[in-house]
Amino acid sequence: QLVESGGGLVQPGGSLRLSCAASGNI
């Protein structure tokens, strides 16, 4: 599975950092 995090509400000109971690029998 892949699990994302870091989304949200931000004002124009702002910044966000999204993360995604894969887990399982990879």
PDB file of all heavy atoms in Angstrom:
ATOM      1  N   GLN A   1       0.821  -1.186   0.000  1.00  0.00           N
ATOM      2  CA  GLN A   1       0.000   0.000   0.000  1.00  0.00           C
ATOM      3  C   GLN A   1       0.864   1.249   0.000  1.00  0.00           C
ATOM      4  O   GLN A   1       2.008   1.234   0.452  1.00  0.00           O
ATOM      5  CB  GLN A   1      -0.964   0.037   1.185  1.00  0.00           C
ATOM      6  CG  GLN A   1      -0.304   0.110   2.545  1.00  0.00           C
ATOM      7  CD  GLN A   1      -1.329   0.213   3.658  1.00  0.00           C
ATOM      8  OE1 GLN A   1      -2.476  -0.214   3.518  1.00  0.00           O
ATOM      9  NE2 GLN A   1      -0.930   0.787   4.778  1.00  0.00           N
ATOM     10  N   LEU A   2       0.300   2.323  -0.540  1.00  0.00           N
ATOM     11  CA  LEU A   2       0.925   3.631  -0.535  1.00  0.00           C
ATOM     12  C   LEU A   2       0.057   4.560   0.291  1.00  0.00           C
ATOM     13  O   LEU A   2      -1.157   4.595   0.105  1.00  0.00           O
ATOM     14  CB  LEU A   2       1.060   4.195  -1.949  1.00  0.00           C
ATOM     15  CG  LEU A   2       1.745   3.331  -3.009  1.00  0.00           C
ATOM     16  CD1 LEU A   2       1.786   4.070  -4.340  1.00  0.00           C
ATOM     17  CD2 LEU A   2       3.151   2.957  -2.573  1.00  0.00           C
ATOM     18  N   VAL A   3       0.668   5.314   1.180  1.00  0.00           N
ATOM     19  CA  VAL A   3      -0.066   6.215   2.055  1.00  0.00           C
ATOM     20  C   VAL A   3       0.498   7.619   1.909  1.00  0.00           C
ATOM     21  O   VAL A   3       1.674   7.849   2.179  1.00  0.00           O
ATOM     22  CB  VAL A   3      -0.001   5.767   3.521  1.00  0.00           C
ATOM     23  CG1 VAL A   3      -0.760   6.747   4.407  1.00  0.00           C
ATOM     24  CG2 VAL A   3      -0.579   4.370   3.680  1.00  0.00           C
ATOM     25  N   GLU A   4      -0.359   8.558   1.488  1.00  0.00           N
ATOM     26  CA  GLU A   4       0.036   9.951   1.332  1.00  0.00           C
ATOM     27  C   GLU A   4      -0.279  10.743   2.591  1.00  0.00           C
ATOM     28  O   GLU A   4      -1.189  10.404   3.347  1.00  0.00           O
ATOM     29  CB  GLU A   4      -0.694  10.611   0.155  1.00  0.00           C
ATOM     30  CG  GLU A   4      -0.477   9.956  -1.191  1.00  0.00           C
ATOM     31  CD  GLU A   4      -1.676   9.155  -1.627  1.00  0.00           C
ATOM     32  OE1 GLU A   4      -2.389   8.613  -0.753  1.00  0.00           O
ATOM     33  OE2 GLU A   4      -1.907   9.064  -2.849  1.00  0.00           O
ATOM     34  N   SER A   5       0.456  11.828   2.769  1.00  0.00           N
ATOM     35  CA  SER A   5       0.183  12.761   3.842  1.00  0.00           C
ATOM     36  C   SER A   5       0.687  14.139   3.435  1.00  0.00           C
ATOM     37  O   SER A   5       1.476  14.268   2.504  1.00  0.00           O
ATOM     38  CB  SER A   5       0.835  12.320   5.158  1.00  0.00           C
ATOM     39  OG  SER A   5       2.243  12.279   5.038  1.00  0.00           O
ATOM     40  N   GLY A   6       0.223  15.166   4.127  1.00  0.00           N
ATOM     41  CA  GLY A   6       0.726  16.509   3.913  1.00  0.00           C
ATOM     42  C   GLY A   6      -0.212  17.456   3.199  1.00  0.00           C
ATOM     43  O   GLY A   6       0.092  18.650   3.081  1.00  0.00           O
ATOM     44  N   GLY A   7      -1.338  16.964   2.712  1.00  0.00           N
ATOM     45  CA  GLY A   7      -2.283  17.839   2.045  1.00  0.00           C
ATOM     46  C   GLY A   7      -2.980  18.760   3.024  1.00  0.00           C
ATOM     47  O   GLY A   7      -2.885  18.598   4.240  1.00  0.00           O
ATOM     48  N   GLY A   8      -3.684  19.740   2.477  1.00  0.00           N
ATOM     49  CA  GLY A   8      -4.404  20.672   3.323  1.00  0.00           C
ATOM     50  C   GLY A   8      -4.782  21.929   2.583  1.00  0.00           C
ATOM     51  O   GLY A   8      -4.725  21.994   1.353  1.00  0.00           O
ATOM     52  N   LEU A   9      -5.171  22.933   3.350  1.00  0.00           N
ATOM     53  CA  LEU A   9      -5.572  24.232   2.819  1.00  0.00           C
ATOM     54  C   LEU A   9      -4.426  25.218   2.974  1.00  0.00           C
ATOM     55  O   LEU A   9      -3.850  25.349   4.061  1.00  0.00           O
ATOM     56  CB  LEU A   9      -6.808  24.737   3.563  1.00  0.00           C
ATOM     57  CG  LEU A   9      -7.299  26.141   3.230  1.00  0.00           C
ATOM     58  CD1 LEU A   9      -7.763  26.211   1.778  1.00  0.00           C
ATOM     59  CD2 LEU A   9      -8.420  26.537   4.176  1.00  0.00           C
ATOM     60  N   VAL A  10      -4.113  25.926   1.894  1.00  0.00           N
ATOM     61  CA  VAL A  10      -3.030  26.893   1.914  1.00  0.00           C
ATOM     62  C   VAL A  10      -3.420  28.094   1.062  1.00  0.00           C
ATOM     63  O   VAL A  10      -4.191  27.967   0.111  1.00  0.00           O
ATOM     64  CB  VAL A  10      -1.717  26.250   1.414  1.00  0.00           C
ATOM     65  CG1 VAL A  10      -1.825  25.872  -0.059  1.00  0.00           C
ATOM     66  CG2 VAL A  10      -0.531  27.163   1.664  1.00  0.00           C
ATOM     67  N   GLN A  11      -2.888  29.256   1.406  1.00  0.00           N
ATOM     68  CA  GLN A  11      -3.155  30.467   0.638  1.00  0.00           C
ATOM     69  C   GLN A  11      -2.311  30.515  -0.626  1.00  0.00           C
ATOM     70  O   GLN A  11      -1.240  29.908  -0.689  1.00  0.00           O
ATOM     71  CB  GLN A  11      -2.863  31.705   1.490  1.00  0.00           C
ATOM     72  CG  GLN A  11      -3.795  31.884   2.671  1.00  0.00           C
ATOM     73  CD  GLN A  11      -3.505  33.148   3.441  1.00  0.00           C
ATOM     74  OE1 GLN A  11      -2.406  33.693   3.384  1.00  0.00           O
ATOM     75  NE2 GLN A  11      -4.503  33.637   4.162  1.00  0.00           N
ATOM     76  N   PRO A  12      -2.785  31.225  -1.658  1.00  0.00           N
ATOM     77  CA  PRO A  12      -1.951  31.399  -2.851  1.00  0.00           C
ATOM     78  C   PRO A  12      -0.578  31.944  -2.492  1.00  0.00           C
ATOM     79  O   PRO A  12      -0.449  32.839  -1.655  1.00  0.00           O
ATOM     80  CB  PRO A  12      -2.749  32.388  -3.696  1.00  0.00           C
ATOM     81  CG  PRO A  12      -4.163  32.169  -3.276  1.00  0.00           C
ATOM     82  CD  PRO A  12      -4.094  31.874  -1.796  1.00  0.00           C
ATOM     83  N   GLY A  13       0.447  31.392  -3.126  1.00  0.00           N
ATOM     84  CA  GLY A  13       1.814  31.762  -2.824  1.00  0.00           C
ATOM     85  C   GLY A  13       2.447  30.952  -1.717  1.00  0.00           C
ATOM     86  O   GLY A  13       3.661  31.044  -1.496  1.00  0.00           O
ATOM     87  N   GLY A  14       1.657  30.152  -1.036  1.00  0.00           N
ATOM     88  CA  GLY A  14       2.159  29.342   0.049  1.00  0.00           C
ATOM     89  C   GLY A  14       2.799  28.053  -0.419  1.00  0.00           C
ATOM     90  O   GLY A  14       2.931  27.795  -1.624  1.00  0.00           O
ATOM     91  N   SER A  15       3.186  27.225   0.544  1.00  0.00           N
ATOM     92  CA  SER A  15       3.893  25.988   0.257  1.00  0.00           C
ATOM     93  C   SER A  15       3.297  24.819   1.024  1.00  0.00           C
ATOM     94  O   SER A  15       2.735  24.988   2.112  1.00  0.00           O
ATOM     95  CB  SER A  15       5.376  26.104   0.638  1.00  0.00           C
ATOM     96  OG  SER A  15       6.033  27.105  -0.116  1.00  0.00           O
ATOM     97  N   LEU A  16       3.425  23.641   0.449  1.00  0.00           N
ATOM     98  CA  LEU A  16       3.076  22.391   1.099  1.00  0.00           C
ATOM     99  C   LEU A  16       4.093  21.340   0.692  1.00  0.00           C
ATOM    100  O   LEU A  16       4.668  21.421  -0.395  1.00  0.00           O
ATOM    101  CB  LEU A  16       1.682  21.904   0.702  1.00  0.00           C
ATOM    102  CG  LEU A  16       0.459  22.591   1.295  1.00  0.00           C
ATOM    103  CD1 LEU A  16      -0.804  22.055   0.623  1.00  0.00           C
ATOM    104  CD2 LEU A  16       0.384  22.377   2.796  1.00  0.00           C
ATOM    105  N   ARG A  17       4.285  20.369   1.555  1.00  0.00           N
ATOM    106  CA  ARG A  17       5.146  19.239   1.230  1.00  0.00           C
ATOM    107  C   ARG A  17       4.361  17.949   1.406  1.00  0.00           C
ATOM    108  O   ARG A  17       3.926  17.632   2.515  1.00  0.00           O
ATOM    109  CB  ARG A  17       6.387  19.213   2.116  1.00  0.00           C
ATOM    110  CG  ARG A  17       7.420  18.150   1.718  1.00  0.00           C
ATOM    111  CD  ARG A  17       8.700  18.311   2.514  1.00  0.00           C
ATOM    112  NE  ARG A  17       9.788  17.502   2.004  1.00  0.00           N
ATOM    113  CZ  ARG A  17      10.238  16.380   2.573  1.00  0.00           C
ATOM    114  NH1 ARG A  17       9.677  15.942   3.698  1.00  0.00           N
ATOM    115  NH2 ARG A  17      11.246  15.713   2.032  1.00  0.00           N
ATOM    116  N   LEU A  18       4.183  17.226   0.318  1.00  0.00           N
ATOM    117  CA  LEU A  18       3.481  15.958   0.340  1.00  0.00           C
ATOM    118  C   LEU A  18       4.473  14.818   0.518  1.00  0.00           C
ATOM    119  O   LEU A  18       5.575  14.853  -0.029  1.00  0.00           O
ATOM    120  CB  LEU A  18       2.694  15.740  -0.949  1.00  0.00           C
ATOM    121  CG  LEU A  18       1.695  16.822  -1.350  1.00  0.00           C
ATOM    122  CD1 LEU A  18       0.950  16.399  -2.612  1.00  0.00           C
ATOM    123  CD2 LEU A  18       0.725  17.121  -0.220  1.00  0.00           C
ATOM    124  N   SER A  19       4.058  13.811   1.269  1.00  0.00           N
ATOM    125  CA  SER A  19       4.875  12.629   1.484  1.00  0.00           C
ATOM    126  C   SER A  19       4.072  11.394   1.123  1.00  0.00           C
ATOM    127  O   SER A  19       2.853  11.361   1.273  1.00  0.00           O
ATOM    128  CB  SER A  19       5.324  12.527   2.945  1.00  0.00           C
ATOM    129  OG  SER A  19       6.109  13.638   3.323  1.00  0.00           O
ATOM    130  N   CYS A  20       4.763  10.368   0.669  1.00  0.00           N
ATOM    131  CA  CYS A  20       4.140   9.094   0.346  1.00  0.00           C
ATOM    132  C   CYS A  20       5.098   7.981   0.723  1.00  0.00           C
ATOM    133  O   CYS A  20       6.248   7.983   0.274  1.00  0.00           O
ATOM    134  CB  CYS A  20       3.794   9.022  -1.142  1.00  0.00           C
ATOM    135  SG  CYS A  20       3.218   7.397  -1.695  1.00  0.00           S
ATOM    136  N   ALA A  21       4.623   7.047   1.519  1.00  0.00           N
ATOM    137  CA  ALA A  21       5.425   5.909   1.937  1.00  0.00           C
ATOM    138  C   ALA A  21       4.789   4.616   1.457  1.00  0.00           C
ATOM    139  O   ALA A  21       3.594   4.390   1.671  1.00  0.00           O
ATOM    140  CB  ALA A  21       5.572   5.891   3.455  1.00  0.00           C
ATOM    141  N   ALA A  22       5.576   3.785   0.814  1.00  0.00           N
ATOM    142  CA  ALA A  22       5.125   2.474   0.373  1.00  0.00           C
ATOM    143  C   ALA A  22       5.499   1.430   1.418  1.00  0.00           C
ATOM    144  O   ALA A  22       6.579   1.489   2.010  1.00  0.00           O
ATOM    145  CB  ALA A  22       5.745   2.109  -0.968  1.00  0.00           C
ATOM    146  N   SER A  23       4.603   0.483   1.644  1.00  0.00           N
ATOM    147  CA  SER A  23       4.869  -0.570   2.610  1.00  0.00           C
ATOM    148  C   SER A  23       4.310  -1.890   2.099  1.00  0.00           C
ATOM    149  O   SER A  23       3.485  -1.920   1.190  1.00  0.00           O
ATOM    150  CB  SER A  23       4.271  -0.235   3.979  1.00  0.00           C
ATOM    151  OG  SER A  23       2.859  -0.129   3.907  1.00  0.00           O
ATOM    152  N   GLY A  24       4.738  -2.977   2.715  1.00  0.00           N
ATOM    153  CA  GLY A  24       4.312  -4.300   2.317  1.00  0.00           C
ATOM    154  C   GLY A  24       5.477  -5.125   1.818  1.00  0.00           C
ATOM    155  O   GLY A  24       6.636  -4.806   2.055  1.00  0.00           O
ATOM    156  N   ASN A  25       5.156  -6.203   1.121  1.00  0.00           N
ATOM    157  CA  ASN A  25       6.187  -7.105   0.610  1.00  0.00           C
ATOM    158  C   ASN A  25       6.713  -6.578  -0.716  1.00  0.00           C
ATOM    159  O   ASN A  25       6.363  -7.074  -1.790  1.00  0.00           O
ATOM    160  CB  ASN A  25       5.640  -8.515   0.464  1.00  0.00           C
ATOM    161  CG  ASN A  25       5.274  -9.138   1.796  1.00  0.00           C
ATOM    162  OD1 ASN A  25       5.908  -8.856   2.801  1.00  0.00           O
ATOM    163  ND2 ASN A  25       4.256  -9.971   1.793  1.00  0.00           N
ATOM    164  N   ILE A  26       7.558  -5.584  -0.618  1.00  0.00           N
ATOM    165  CA  ILE A  26       8.097  -4.899  -1.785  1.00  0.00           C
ATOM    166  C   ILE A  26       9.456  -5.476  -2.134  1.00  0.00           C
ATOM    167  O   ILE A  26      10.348  -5.532  -1.291  1.00  0.00           O
ATOM    168  CB  ILE A  26       8.210  -3.394  -1.530  1.00  0.00           C
ATOM    169  CG1 ILE A  26       6.828  -2.800  -1.263  1.00  0.00           C
ATOM    170  CG2 ILE A  26       8.887  -2.704  -2.708  1.00  0.00           C
ATOM    171  CD1 ILE A  26       6.863  -1.392  -0.729  1.00  0.00           C
TER     172      ILE A  26
END
